[in-house]
Protein backbone atom coordinates (compact mmCIF):
# COMPACT_ATOMS: atom_id res chain seq x y z
CA UNK A 1 -0.03 -0.01 -0.02
CA UNK A 2 1.43 3.30 -1.09
CA UNK A 3 1.02 6.58 0.89
CA UNK A 4 -1.84 8.94 0.17
CA UNK A 5 -2.78 12.18 2.01
CA UNK A 6 -6.15 10.62 2.82
CA UNK A 7 -4.44 8.08 5.00
CA UNK A 8 -3.59 10.71 7.59
CA UNK A 9 -7.21 10.74 8.65
CA UNK A 10 -7.78 8.80 11.79
CA UNK A 11 -9.93 10.36 14.51
CA UNK A 12 -7.94 9.55 17.72
CA UNK A 13 -9.93 8.88 20.82
CA UNK A 14 -9.08 10.96 23.87
CA UNK A 15 -7.07 9.14 26.45
CA UNK A 16 -8.11 8.97 30.08
CA UNK A 17 -4.37 9.40 30.84
CA UNK A 18 -2.68 12.22 28.77
CA UNK A 19 -0.02 10.79 26.50
CA UNK A 20 3.60 11.76 27.12
CA UNK A 21 4.05 12.55 23.36
CA UNK A 22 1.69 12.76 20.40
CA UNK A 23 2.57 10.96 17.14
CA UNK A 24 3.99 13.02 14.28
CA UNK A 25 1.67 11.12 11.90
CA UNK A 26 -0.85 8.40 11.84
CA UNK A 27 -1.36 6.26 8.73
CA UNK A 28 -3.71 3.53 7.56
CA UNK A 29 -1.24 0.69 6.48
CA UNK A 30 -3.80 -1.99 5.60
CA UNK A 31 -7.40 -3.34 5.92
CA UNK A 32 -7.77 -6.95 6.96
CA UNK A 33 -10.91 -8.82 7.94
CA UNK A 34 -12.82 -5.50 7.78
CA UNK A 35 -10.44 -4.02 10.32
CA UNK A 36 -8.50 -0.91 9.52
CA UNK A 37 -4.94 -1.10 10.73
CA UNK A 38 -3.04 2.04 11.62
CA UNK A 39 0.49 2.88 12.58
CA UNK A 40 1.74 5.88 14.47
CA UNK A 41 5.17 7.53 13.68
CA UNK A 42 6.99 9.33 16.46
CA UNK A 43 9.89 11.39 15.00
CA UNK A 44 13.01 12.04 16.97
CA UNK A 45 12.81 14.96 19.33
CA UNK A 46 13.86 18.34 18.02
CA UNK A 47 17.43 18.92 19.01
CA UNK A 48 18.12 15.23 19.69
CA UNK A 49 21.21 13.42 18.39
CA UNK A 50 19.82 11.44 15.40
CA UNK A 51 23.23 9.96 14.23
CA UNK A 52 26.29 8.39 15.43
CA UNK A 53 29.61 8.88 13.61
CA UNK A 54 27.63 10.07 10.53
CA UNK A 55 25.24 7.21 10.50
CA UNK A 56 21.53 7.76 11.12
CA UNK A 57 19.99 5.88 14.01
CA UNK A 58 17.57 3.17 13.10
CA UNK A 59 13.73 3.26 13.22
CA UNK A 60 12.23 0.95 15.76
CA UNK A 61 8.93 -0.75 15.02
CA UNK A 62 7.09 -1.60 18.28
CA UNK A 63 4.26 -4.09 18.98
CA UNK A 64 2.30 -3.87 22.25
CA UNK A 65 1.61 -6.89 24.47
CA UNK A 66 -1.64 -8.32 25.81
CA UNK A 67 -1.91 -11.92 24.90
CA UNK A 68 -3.28 -11.35 21.46
CA UNK A 69 -6.51 -10.48 23.21
CA UNK A 70 -6.10 -6.89 24.61
CA UNK A 71 -3.94 -3.90 24.10
CA UNK A 72 -3.58 -0.85 21.87
CA UNK A 73 -0.72 0.77 20.02
CA UNK A 74 -1.00 3.99 22.03
CA UNK A 75 -0.98 2.48 25.57
CA UNK A 76 0.09 5.45 27.85
CA UNK A 77 2.91 3.33 29.39
CA UNK A 78 4.36 2.50 26.02
CA UNK A 79 4.17 6.02 24.90
CA UNK A 80 6.29 7.09 27.82
CA UNK A 81 8.99 4.91 26.39
CA UNK A 82 8.45 6.28 22.86
CA UNK A 83 9.08 9.70 24.24
CA UNK A 84 12.25 8.58 26.04
CA UNK A 85 13.50 6.98 22.77
CA UNK A 86 12.68 9.96 20.65
CA UNK A 87 14.55 12.16 23.12
CA UNK A 88 17.53 9.99 22.28
CA UNK A 89 17.23 10.49 18.56
CA UNK A 90 15.26 7.32 17.53
CA UNK A 91 12.22 7.22 15.37
CA UNK A 92 9.48 4.94 16.73
CA UNK A 93 6.60 3.25 14.77
CA UNK A 94 3.81 1.80 16.86
CA UNK A 95 1.48 -0.48 14.93
CA UNK A 96 -1.96 -2.04 15.22
CA UNK A 97 -2.30 -5.73 14.63
CA UNK A 98 -5.37 -8.00 14.71
CA UNK A 99 -6.08 -9.52 18.11
CA UNK A 100 -7.02 -12.99 17.14
CA UNK A 101 -7.74 -14.23 20.63
CA UNK A 102 -10.02 -11.27 21.59
CA UNK A 103 -13.12 -12.50 23.47
CA UNK A 104 -12.01 -16.08 23.01
CA UNK A 105 -12.63 -18.51 25.83
CA UNK A 106 -10.88 -21.84 26.63
CA UNK A 107 -11.86 -24.21 29.42
CA UNK A 108 -8.37 -25.67 29.47
CA UNK A 109 -4.92 -24.40 28.39
CA UNK A 110 -4.44 -27.51 26.25
CA UNK A 111 -3.78 -28.41 22.60
CA UNK A 112 -6.93 -26.39 21.39
CA UNK A 113 -5.56 -23.27 23.07
CA UNK A 114 -2.01 -23.91 21.69
CA UNK A 115 -3.33 -24.17 18.23
CA UNK A 116 -5.25 -21.03 18.62
CA UNK A 117 -2.26 -19.19 20.12
CA UNK A 118 -0.18 -20.30 17.16
CA UNK A 119 -2.69 -19.00 14.74
CA UNK A 120 -2.92 -15.73 16.63
CA UNK A 121 0.87 -15.34 16.37
CA UNK A 122 0.71 -15.96 12.64
CA UNK A 123 -1.93 -13.38 12.22
CA UNK A 124 0.15 -10.77 14.08
CA UNK A 125 3.19 -11.66 12.02
CA UNK A 126 1.16 -11.16 8.77
CA UNK A 127 0.15 -7.64 10.06
CA UNK A 128 3.75 -6.80 11.08
CA UNK A 129 4.97 -7.75 7.64
CA UNK A 130 2.22 -5.66 6.04
CA UNK A 131 3.24 -2.66 8.14
CA UNK A 132 6.94 -3.33 7.24
CA UNK A 133 6.01 -3.35 3.55
CA UNK A 134 4.13 -0.03 4.03
CA UNK A 135 7.21 1.53 5.52
CA UNK A 136 9.47 0.16 2.86
CA UNK A 137 7.19 1.22 0.02
CA UNK A 138 6.97 4.77 1.39
CA UNK A 139 10.44 5.08 2.80
CA UNK A 140 11.34 8.14 0.81
CA UNK A 141 8.21 10.07 1.75
CA UNK A 142 8.58 9.10 5.36
CA UNK A 143 12.40 9.62 5.66
CA UNK A 144 12.97 6.00 6.64
CA UNK A 145 15.87 3.85 5.76
CA UNK A 146 14.43 0.41 4.85
CA UNK A 147 17.77 -1.26 5.77
CA UNK A 148 17.67 0.24 9.40
CA UNK A 149 14.34 -1.10 10.56
CA UNK A 150 14.41 -2.73 14.01
CA UNK A 151 11.49 -4.66 15.36
CA UNK A 152 10.66 -4.82 19.08
CA UNK A 153 7.79 -5.70 21.40
CA UNK A 154 6.73 -6.96 24.85
CA UNK A 155 5.01 -10.26 25.71
CA UNK A 156 2.66 -11.03 22.64
CA UNK A 157 4.54 -8.16 20.74
CA UNK A 158 7.85 -9.86 21.55
CA UNK A 159 6.56 -13.23 20.40
CA UNK A 160 5.47 -11.68 17.12
CA UNK A 161 8.81 -9.91 16.67
CA UNK A 162 10.77 -13.16 17.23
CA UNK A 163 8.52 -15.25 15.18
CA UNK A 164 8.74 -12.73 12.32
CA UNK A 165 12.55 -13.00 12.41
CA UNK A 166 12.36 -16.86 12.49
CA UNK A 167 9.94 -16.74 9.45
CA UNK A 168 12.36 -14.64 7.49
CA UNK A 169 15.42 -16.74 8.30
CA UNK A 170 13.50 -20.01 7.53
CA UNK A 171 11.62 -19.00 4.52
CA UNK A 172 8.12 -18.98 6.08
CA UNK A 173 5.26 -18.38 3.79
CA UNK A 174 4.28 -15.08 5.51
CA UNK A 175 7.66 -13.56 4.71
CA UNK A 176 7.14 -13.95 0.92
CA UNK A 177 5.47 -10.56 0.91
CA UNK A 178 8.56 -8.77 1.92
CA UNK A 179 11.24 -7.46 -0.63
CA UNK A 180 13.56 -10.12 -1.76
CA UNK A 181 16.63 -10.32 0.64
CA UNK A 182 14.95 -8.17 3.37
CA UNK A 183 15.73 -8.62 6.98
CA UNK A 184 15.24 -6.41 9.98
CA UNK A 185 18.46 -4.72 11.24
CA UNK A 186 17.88 -5.98 14.74
CA UNK A 187 15.24 -7.41 17.22
CA UNK A 188 14.58 -6.40 20.71
CA UNK A 189 12.40 -8.91 22.52
CA UNK A 190 11.02 -8.37 26.06
CA UNK A 191 9.67 -11.82 27.21
CA UNK A 192 9.25 -13.33 23.83
CA UNK A 193 9.19 -16.89 22.29
CA UNK A 194 9.23 -18.67 18.94
CA UNK A 195 6.93 -21.45 17.68
CA UNK A 196 8.61 -24.03 15.46
CA UNK A 197 6.88 -27.03 13.85
CA UNK A 198 10.12 -28.09 12.19
CA UNK A 199 11.54 -29.95 15.19
CA UNK A 200 14.26 -28.29 17.34
CA UNK A 201 14.55 -24.49 16.97
CA UNK A 202 17.11 -23.50 14.31
CA UNK A 203 17.75 -20.71 11.93
CA UNK A 204 18.39 -21.64 8.22
CA UNK A 205 20.01 -18.37 7.45
CA UNK A 206 21.73 -15.80 9.72
CA UNK A 207 19.38 -13.96 12.02
CA UNK A 208 19.86 -10.22 12.61
CA UNK A 209 21.46 -9.07 15.86
CA UNK A 210 19.08 -9.89 18.67
CA UNK A 211 18.51 -8.70 22.24
CA UNK A 212 16.50 -10.91 24.58
CA UNK A 213 15.28 -9.98 28.09
CA UNK A 214 13.23 -12.40 30.12
CA UNK A 215 12.39 -13.12 33.79
CA UNK A 216 13.70 -16.52 34.98
CA UNK A 217 10.40 -17.06 36.86
CA UNK A 218 8.05 -16.15 33.95
CA UNK A 219 5.22 -18.71 33.39
CA UNK A 220 3.15 -16.47 31.18
CA UNK A 221 5.62 -16.82 28.32
CA UNK A 222 7.71 -19.54 29.67
CA UNK A 223 11.43 -18.56 30.12
CA UNK A 224 12.74 -21.81 28.66
CA UNK A 225 9.82 -23.09 26.67
CA UNK A 226 7.62 -26.09 26.21
CA UNK A 227 7.08 -28.83 23.67
CA UNK A 228 3.63 -29.93 22.45
CA UNK A 229 4.10 -33.08 20.30
CA UNK A 230 5.93 -31.71 17.10
CA UNK A 231 5.30 -28.14 18.03
CA UNK A 232 8.27 -26.64 19.78
CA UNK A 233 7.65 -23.40 21.86
CA UNK A 234 11.01 -21.87 22.69
CA UNK A 235 11.36 -19.06 25.26
CA UNK A 236 14.24 -16.59 25.34
CA UNK A 237 16.60 -19.08 27.24
CA UNK A 238 16.33 -21.61 24.60
CA UNK A 239 16.60 -19.04 21.73
CA UNK A 240 19.77 -17.68 23.39
CA UNK A 241 21.37 -21.16 23.38
CA UNK A 242 20.54 -21.62 19.69
CA UNK A 243 22.00 -18.14 18.87
CA UNK A 244 25.14 -18.90 20.98
CA UNK A 245 25.66 -22.35 19.48
CA UNK A 246 25.31 -20.91 15.90
CA UNK A 247 27.72 -18.01 16.63
CA UNK A 248 25.27 -15.35 15.97
CA UNK A 249 25.34 -11.79 17.45
CA UNK A 250 23.05 -11.59 20.55
CA UNK A 251 22.48 -10.31 23.88
CA UNK A 252 20.64 -12.25 26.71
CA UNK A 253 19.59 -10.55 29.89
CA UNK A 254 18.21 -12.99 32.41
CA UNK A 255 16.22 -11.23 35.22
CA UNK A 256 16.80 -13.53 38.19
CA UNK A 257 13.52 -14.24 40.00
CA UNK A 258 11.40 -11.88 37.91
CA UNK A 259 8.15 -12.92 36.27
CA UNK A 260 6.37 -11.44 33.39
CA UNK A 261 6.91 -7.84 34.37
CA UNK A 262 10.07 -7.95 32.24
CA UNK A 263 7.64 -7.60 29.25
CA UNK A 264 7.14 -4.00 30.27
CA UNK A 265 10.73 -3.16 31.24
CA UNK A 266 11.51 -0.95 28.24
CA UNK A 267 12.02 2.28 30.20
CA UNK A 268 13.98 0.65 32.95
CA UNK A 269 16.50 -0.79 30.48
CA UNK A 270 16.69 2.00 28.05
CA UNK A 271 20.44 2.32 28.39
CA UNK A 272 20.93 -1.28 27.32
CA UNK A 273 18.54 -0.80 24.35
CA UNK A 274 20.39 2.27 23.24
CA UNK A 275 23.73 0.56 23.65
CA UNK A 276 22.45 -2.48 21.58
CA UNK A 277 21.03 -0.34 18.87
CA UNK A 278 24.34 1.65 18.41
CA UNK A 279 26.91 -1.10 18.76
CA UNK A 280 25.14 -4.22 17.56
CA UNK A 281 22.82 -2.72 14.95
CA UNK A 282 24.54 0.41 13.77
CA UNK A 283 28.29 -0.49 14.19
CA UNK A 284 27.76 -4.17 13.34
CA UNK A 285 29.84 -5.26 16.28
CA UNK A 286 29.46 -9.02 16.83
CA UNK A 287 28.39 -9.64 20.42
CA UNK A 288 27.82 -12.73 22.59
CA UNK A 289 26.64 -11.22 25.83
CA UNK A 290 24.76 -13.40 28.42
CA UNK A 291 24.16 -11.77 31.72
CA UNK A 292 22.05 -12.57 34.86
CA UNK A 293 20.54 -9.38 36.18
CA UNK A 294 19.05 -8.31 39.42
CA UNK A 295 17.23 -5.10 38.88
CA UNK A 296 15.02 -3.61 41.64
CA UNK A 297 13.68 -1.14 39.13
CA UNK A 298 11.83 -3.88 37.27
CA UNK A 299 9.18 -4.37 39.88
CA UNK A 300 6.35 -6.86 40.01
CA UNK A 301 3.07 -5.05 38.98
CA UNK A 302 0.02 -5.99 36.97
CA UNK A 303 2.12 -7.64 34.21
CA UNK A 304 3.46 -10.29 36.75
CA UNK A 305 -0.12 -11.39 37.37
CA UNK A 306 -1.25 -11.76 33.84
CA UNK A 307 -1.63 -15.33 32.61
CA UNK A 308 -3.33 -16.82 29.70
CA UNK A 309 -5.88 -18.32 32.05
CA UNK A 310 -6.67 -14.86 33.36
CA UNK A 311 -7.27 -13.63 29.79
CA UNK A 312 -9.25 -16.44 28.42
CA UNK A 313 -11.25 -18.04 31.22
């Protein structure tokens, strides 16, 4: 979908909580299943440093969390992080995606639920790829470098981000819509995971630099993962092992004793994020960092109590 002036037309609903920053532009990037899908672009703050050693900082696509059942692209907590990132010279793109598990109920968290969850991830990946194509197709008008797109998210958004990268590297069917040879410049995953129905998790081609953050006590998106017959669900700890064994560039931050609140730790770990974006993504430095973290700023709150049972009972 190419850009038209009519696409800057969404009537934004007033927030109960004032947003930390308003988007510079809102665009309709696709319509699927009768649902209009929008993205908000937050430009770097005026006077911020938008380059390092003459290289422009990347654009970060962000996907919100909420178990594929709830959430919005302009959640006030996320927008606080958008402002902090734009103050540091990064452009943020926050996108809608279809919530395939919205209003769905499951008596048991069994195979039926796992199949529905996998389908929901696929739906979100399709929408992420559509938004990515929109940004690539309109890169000149939007001032975006298609070779410097980083994808990031928390919880469901992190699962979508990691699944998208796995699809690209393994020639998944959803990735065929992307330009030939396209890959993201980096991934930042806050409590993410990957579904693989091809046996043990692997990457058929080199993944982009990856930053993983996950609580060791997370049971909402399991830290290590689970296996359901031939379907392999790999949490961040398992993903990190595959990246390490393959000699790929990655960072793994293991939050000792933390649960799912790490999914919302973007502001608390912003220094790590900026360092990753500059050194791993921009400078192309090969890294193999694996750290166990104890961070009192990443506190248990509503995120730590969210479970799929809470969302779908």
